Protein backbone atom coordinates (compact mmCIF):
# COMPACT_ATOMS: atom_id res chain seq x y z
CA MET A 1 142.20 61.01 304.87
CA THR A 2 139.90 58.12 303.89
CA ASN A 3 136.49 58.55 302.36
CA LEU A 4 134.71 57.50 305.49
CA ALA A 5 136.66 59.92 307.59
CA THR A 6 135.97 62.79 305.19
CA LEU A 7 132.20 62.07 305.44
CA ILE A 8 132.36 61.74 309.19
CA GLU A 9 134.24 65.18 309.40
CA LYS A 10 131.50 66.70 307.09
CA GLY A 11 128.76 65.06 309.13
CA ASP A 12 127.21 63.66 305.85
CA PHE A 13 125.05 60.94 307.54
CA ASN A 14 123.18 59.94 304.46
CA ALA A 15 126.42 59.45 302.47
CA ILE A 16 127.70 57.29 305.28
CA LYS A 17 124.74 55.07 305.30
CA SER A 18 125.03 54.61 301.50
CA ILE A 19 128.58 53.19 301.61
CA LYS A 20 128.38 49.56 300.41
CA ASP A 21 130.56 47.95 303.01
CA ILE A 22 129.86 50.33 305.90
CA ARG A 23 129.03 47.70 308.44
CA GLU A 24 132.54 46.22 307.98
CA LEU A 25 134.27 49.61 307.59
CA ALA A 26 132.76 50.95 310.78
CA LYS A 27 134.52 48.20 312.80
CA LYS A 28 137.97 48.85 311.25
CA PRO A 29 140.41 51.65 312.09
CA MET A 30 140.88 54.49 309.57
CA PHE A 31 144.52 54.58 308.59
CA GLY A 32 146.07 58.13 308.91
CA ASN A 33 146.60 61.06 311.23
CA PHE A 34 143.54 63.08 312.29
CA SER A 35 142.82 65.97 314.66
CA SER A 36 139.98 67.18 316.86
CA ASN A 37 139.46 69.84 319.52
CA PHE A 38 140.82 67.45 322.13
CA THR A 39 143.48 65.30 320.67
CA ASP A 40 145.34 64.11 317.63
CA PHE A 41 144.59 60.56 316.46
CA GLN A 42 146.56 58.02 314.55
CA ASN A 43 144.42 55.32 312.86
CA PRO A 44 141.29 55.96 314.83
CA PHE A 45 138.20 53.90 314.72
CA PRO A 46 135.22 55.64 313.07
CA ILE A 47 133.15 55.80 316.31
CA GLN A 48 136.07 57.57 318.14
CA PHE A 49 136.39 60.11 315.41
CA ALA A 50 132.66 60.75 315.24
CA ALA A 51 132.50 61.11 319.03
CA ALA A 52 135.55 63.60 318.91
CA LEU A 53 133.57 65.67 316.34
CA ASN A 54 130.51 65.64 318.62
CA ASN A 55 128.23 63.94 316.05
CA GLU A 56 125.83 61.90 318.00
CA ASN A 57 123.75 60.77 314.92
CA ILE A 58 126.71 59.13 313.42
CA VAL A 59 127.79 57.56 316.78
CA GLU A 60 124.28 56.28 317.13
CA TYR A 61 124.39 54.76 313.65
CA PHE A 62 127.69 52.95 314.25
CA LEU A 63 126.16 51.54 317.41
CA ARG A 64 123.15 50.27 315.47
CA LEU A 65 125.56 48.52 313.17
CA GLY A 66 126.95 46.62 316.20
CA VAL A 67 130.26 48.55 316.56
CA ASP A 68 131.97 48.13 319.94
CA PRO A 69 131.79 51.42 321.73
CA ASN A 70 135.08 50.53 323.44
CA TYR A 71 137.24 50.57 320.33
CA ILE A 72 140.33 52.66 321.09
CA GLU A 73 143.65 53.47 319.24
CA SER A 74 146.95 54.92 320.40
CA SER A 75 145.51 58.21 321.53
CA GLY A 76 144.00 56.44 324.53
CA TYR A 77 140.62 58.09 324.27
CA SER A 78 137.44 56.07 324.01
CA ALA A 79 134.33 57.40 322.40
CA LEU A 80 132.83 57.64 325.93
CA HIS A 81 135.73 59.93 326.98
CA LEU A 82 135.19 62.02 324.00
CA ALA A 83 131.44 62.36 324.56
CA ILE A 84 132.10 63.46 328.05
CA LEU A 85 134.71 66.01 326.90
CA ASN A 86 132.04 67.39 324.41
CA LYS A 87 129.54 67.76 327.30
CA ASN A 88 127.07 65.75 325.16
CA VAL A 89 124.51 64.10 327.47
CA LEU A 90 122.65 62.15 324.88
CA MET A 91 125.86 60.74 323.26
CA THR A 92 127.12 59.74 326.82
CA CYS A 93 123.82 57.91 327.52
CA LEU A 94 123.85 56.20 324.12
CA LEU A 95 127.39 54.86 324.68
CA LEU A 96 126.76 53.81 328.30
CA ASP A 97 123.55 52.07 327.37
CA ASN A 98 125.10 50.23 324.53
CA GLY A 99 128.09 48.83 326.54
CA ALA A 100 130.73 51.52 326.86
CA ASP A 101 133.03 50.58 329.58
CA ILE A 102 133.13 53.15 332.26
CA ASN A 103 136.40 51.77 333.74
CA ILE A 104 138.60 52.40 330.81
CA PRO A 105 141.06 55.18 331.81
CA ASP A 106 142.16 57.97 329.45
CA PRO A 107 145.85 58.41 328.42
CA PHE A 108 146.54 60.02 331.88
CA GLY A 109 145.05 57.28 333.92
CA CYS A 110 141.98 59.15 334.60
CA HIS A 111 138.65 57.34 334.76
CA CYS A 112 135.44 58.80 333.12
CA ILE A 113 134.05 60.14 336.41
CA PHE A 114 137.02 62.32 336.89
CA THR A 115 136.88 63.48 333.33
CA ALA A 116 133.29 64.40 333.79
CA ILE A 117 133.96 66.35 337.05
CA ARG A 118 136.95 68.34 335.60
CA TYR A 119 135.82 68.88 331.92
CA SER A 120 132.00 68.27 331.63
CA ASN A 121 128.83 69.32 333.34
CA SER A 122 126.52 68.22 336.00
CA GLU A 123 124.09 66.43 333.57
CA VAL A 124 126.91 64.24 332.17
CA LEU A 125 128.11 63.41 335.68
CA THR A 126 124.73 62.45 336.85
CA GLU A 127 124.07 60.16 333.90
CA ILE A 128 127.41 58.35 334.74
CA LEU A 129 126.51 58.06 338.44
CA LYS A 130 123.06 56.67 337.54
CA ARG A 131 124.64 53.68 336.00
CA ASN A 132 127.64 53.27 338.15
CA PRO A 133 128.27 55.24 341.42
CA CYS A 134 131.98 54.86 341.14
CA LEU A 135 132.59 54.81 344.87
CA ASP A 136 135.97 53.14 344.64
CA LYS A 137 137.47 55.02 341.80
CA GLU A 138 140.68 56.95 342.60
CA TYR A 139 142.97 59.39 340.84
CA LYS A 140 146.29 60.57 342.08
CA GLY A 141 145.21 59.80 345.70
CA ASP A 142 141.81 61.47 345.45
CA TYR A 143 138.33 59.81 345.36
CA PRO A 144 135.71 61.52 343.17
CA LEU A 145 134.39 63.76 346.03
CA HIS A 146 137.86 65.01 346.95
CA PHE A 147 138.66 65.57 343.29
CA ALA A 148 135.50 67.68 342.78
CA LEU A 149 136.40 69.78 345.87
CA GLN A 150 140.12 70.12 344.58
CA GLU A 151 138.56 71.42 341.37
CA LYS A 152 136.12 73.66 343.33
CA LYS A 153 133.15 72.00 341.62
CA VAL A 154 130.69 72.52 344.53
CA ASP A 155 127.63 71.61 342.46
CA MET A 156 129.25 68.31 341.38
CA ALA A 157 130.35 67.51 344.95
CA PHE A 158 126.66 67.76 346.05
CA ILE A 159 125.59 65.41 343.29
CA LEU A 160 128.38 62.92 344.35
CA ILE A 161 127.16 63.09 348.02
CA SER A 162 123.59 62.25 346.84
CA TYR A 163 124.86 59.17 345.04
CA GLY A 164 126.60 57.78 348.16
CA HIS A 165 129.99 59.39 348.28
CA SER A 166 130.98 59.83 351.94
CA ILE A 167 132.08 63.16 353.40
CA GLU A 168 134.04 61.10 355.93
CA LYS A 169 136.29 59.11 353.54
CA THR A 170 139.86 60.47 353.44
CA ASN A 171 142.10 60.75 350.55
CA ALA A 172 145.84 59.79 350.30
CA LYS A 173 146.82 62.87 352.30
CA GLU A 174 144.24 62.15 355.10
CA PHE A 175 141.89 65.04 354.16
CA ASP A 176 138.19 64.25 354.60
CA ALA A 177 135.68 66.34 352.53
CA LYS A 178 135.16 68.96 355.33
CA SER A 179 138.86 69.52 355.86
CA LEU A 180 139.58 69.70 352.25
CA ALA A 181 136.61 72.15 351.74
CA GLU A 182 138.13 74.36 354.61
CA LYS A 183 141.50 74.37 352.89
CA GLN A 184 139.85 75.31 349.60
CA LYS A 185 137.68 77.85 351.35
CA LEU A 186 134.52 76.45 349.79
CA ASN A 187 131.98 78.10 352.18
CA GLU A 188 128.93 77.10 350.20
CA PHE A 189 129.88 73.39 350.62
CA LEU A 190 130.70 73.71 354.30
CA LYS A 191 127.35 75.53 354.95
CA VAL A 192 125.36 72.48 353.75
CA VAL A 193 127.59 69.64 355.17
CA ASN A 194 127.62 71.31 358.57
CA ASP A 195 123.89 71.52 358.66
CA GLU A 196 122.65 68.02 359.55
CA THR A 197 119.17 68.70 358.21
CA GLU A 198 120.55 69.94 354.82
CA LEU A 199 123.09 67.20 354.67
CA ASN A 200 120.46 64.49 355.15
CA LYS A 201 118.26 66.11 352.49
CA LEU A 202 121.19 65.81 350.19
CA ILE A 203 122.05 62.17 351.17
CA HIS A 204 118.43 61.03 350.66
CA LYS A 205 117.74 63.05 347.70
CA GLN A 206 115.51 61.13 345.14
CA LYS A 207 117.41 59.66 342.16
CA HIS A 208 116.98 57.10 339.59
CA ILE A 209 119.38 54.22 339.13
CA PHE A 210 119.25 52.58 335.68
CA MET A 211 118.87 48.78 335.56
CA LEU A 212 121.72 48.44 333.08
CA ARG A 213 119.54 47.44 329.97
CA LYS A 214 120.95 48.13 326.67
CA VAL A 215 119.02 50.66 324.56
CA GLN A 216 119.20 50.23 320.79
CA MET A 217 117.66 52.88 318.42
CA ILE A 218 115.65 51.45 315.50
CA PRO A 219 114.01 52.95 312.41
CA GLU A 220 110.61 54.48 312.53
CA ASN A 221 109.13 51.52 310.47
CA GLU A 222 110.02 48.91 313.18
CA GLU A 223 108.25 48.15 316.44
CA ASN A 224 109.64 48.82 319.88
CA ILE A 225 110.86 45.61 321.48
CA GLN A 226 111.74 44.32 325.00
CA ASN A 227 113.24 40.81 325.05
CA GLU A 228 114.95 38.27 327.19
CA ASP A 229 118.55 39.46 326.40
CA GLN A 230 118.06 42.65 328.42
CA ILE A 231 117.91 44.77 325.31
CA VAL A 232 115.27 47.43 324.75
CA LYS A 233 114.82 48.55 321.18
CA ILE A 234 113.12 51.86 320.80
CA LYS A 235 112.58 54.61 318.38
CA ARG A 236 114.92 57.65 318.96
CA ASP A 237 112.05 60.24 319.37
CA GLU A 238 110.23 57.92 321.82
CA TYR A 239 113.47 57.34 323.78
CA ILE A 240 114.02 61.12 324.19
CA LEU A 241 110.39 61.64 325.17
CA LEU A 242 110.63 58.71 327.68
CA LYS A 243 113.71 60.21 329.25
CA GLU A 244 111.91 63.62 329.69
CA ARG A 245 108.93 62.01 331.28
CA LEU A 246 111.03 59.97 333.60
CA LEU A 247 112.84 63.13 334.58
CA ASN A 248 109.56 64.79 335.43
CA LEU A 249 108.43 61.80 337.34
CA GLU A 250 111.71 61.86 339.40
CA MET A 251 110.96 65.51 340.29
CA ILE A 252 107.42 64.58 341.40
CA VAL A 253 108.75 61.61 343.46
CA SER A 254 111.28 63.92 345.18
CA ARG A 255 108.40 65.92 346.42
CA LEU A 256 105.96 63.13 347.11
CA LEU A 257 108.22 60.50 348.66
CA PRO A 258 108.29 61.76 352.21
CA ASN A 259 104.55 61.34 352.39
CA VAL A 260 104.34 57.96 350.73
CA SER A 261 103.78 54.75 352.72
CA ASN A 262 105.99 51.68 352.06
CA GLU A 263 102.98 49.40 352.40
CA LYS A 264 102.54 48.98 348.67
CA LEU A 265 106.13 47.68 348.25
CA LEU A 266 106.03 45.55 351.35
CA ASN A 267 102.77 43.98 350.30
CA PRO A 268 102.78 44.31 346.47
CA GLN A 269 99.48 44.48 344.68
CA ILE A 270 98.57 43.00 341.20
CA CYS A 271 99.61 44.96 338.29
CA PHE A 272 96.94 47.58 337.53
CA ALA A 273 97.26 47.02 333.79
CA CYS A 274 97.84 43.23 333.03
CA LYS A 275 96.03 42.03 336.27
CA SER A 276 98.43 39.02 336.55
CA LYS A 277 101.90 40.04 337.59
CA LYS A 278 102.97 41.65 340.87
CA GLY A 279 103.06 45.39 340.71
CA LEU A 280 106.49 46.32 342.04
CA ASN A 281 106.63 49.69 340.33
CA ILE A 282 104.44 52.39 341.73
CA CYS A 283 103.51 55.49 339.76
CA PRO A 284 104.06 58.50 341.98
CA VAL A 285 101.38 60.41 340.08
CA CYS A 286 98.37 58.10 340.09
CA GLY A 287 99.56 55.75 342.80
CA ASN A 288 98.90 52.61 340.91
CA SER A 289 101.15 49.58 340.95
CA PHE A 290 102.55 48.07 337.70
CA CYS A 291 104.79 45.26 336.57
CA GLN A 292 108.11 46.26 334.88
CA ASP A 293 106.71 46.10 331.20
CA ASP A 294 103.43 47.86 332.02
CA PHE A 295 105.09 50.52 333.97
CA TYR A 296 107.42 51.22 331.03
CA ASN A 297 104.38 51.67 328.75
CA HIS A 298 102.52 53.65 331.41
CA VAL A 299 105.40 56.25 331.55
CA LEU A 300 105.82 56.29 327.75
CA GLU A 301 102.14 57.00 327.07
CA GLY A 302 101.98 59.60 329.94
CA CYS A 303 100.14 59.06 333.29
CA LYS A 304 96.47 59.75 332.85
CA LEU A 305 95.08 61.03 336.23
């Protein structure tokens, strides 16, 4: 086992940072055979091994060094697959927001969304769907909704429907969602989809779709940056806090949206903060309109009613 691999296995973050040529080493495979809870590796890349061992701090550090999140060796598992298998929401988000390819299949030809449905949790699945609804993905004749029902993951099936997966679409065996649920005796699922009111609530459930901007973590002594390259550089603690506040805003929006008029979006006002750009982002708490940058700052600082 190489020195870097040993440090990754120990989770010795400070020692890894102190390696002289770490920027170059992090981008090269580590020669040898390695094991994790999920698979055996032969000559894995450092980011793969760190993801397999569920060490998000080291994965994050490698991403900051410019490591390609899609590095993959003979095992066939990308760092994203391994984060999903570990049910690690933050690591999954870090990888997706830094260019991890959601379309890379695992060794069994299974795309990430199917891995999440079978092995992970609702939070991880939701983060994937926020960035890519995966409507056209197929595995052994099943689309994601059929796959969730085959796995008897009713909660995940509901999430998929809320992100646009149709209950009328049929799989390779000509089963739609209802007929498959009947076969699987999933009464909880059938109760909702057979009730038009409940089904419409699910279909129109408020959700947040990310605008596919890369997020890079930076040291505490640097300033947060947004630039023309669609990259947001933000301190880790502030990133986590921002995600929590956005989640709270989503919950508020889901309750307020039925009573909100579309007038402000149809006739956008001037940004409440900068007084110059169009305010296309409306805070559901205070009701003010903001441009993109000022809305980001408004959420980060916390809405002051």
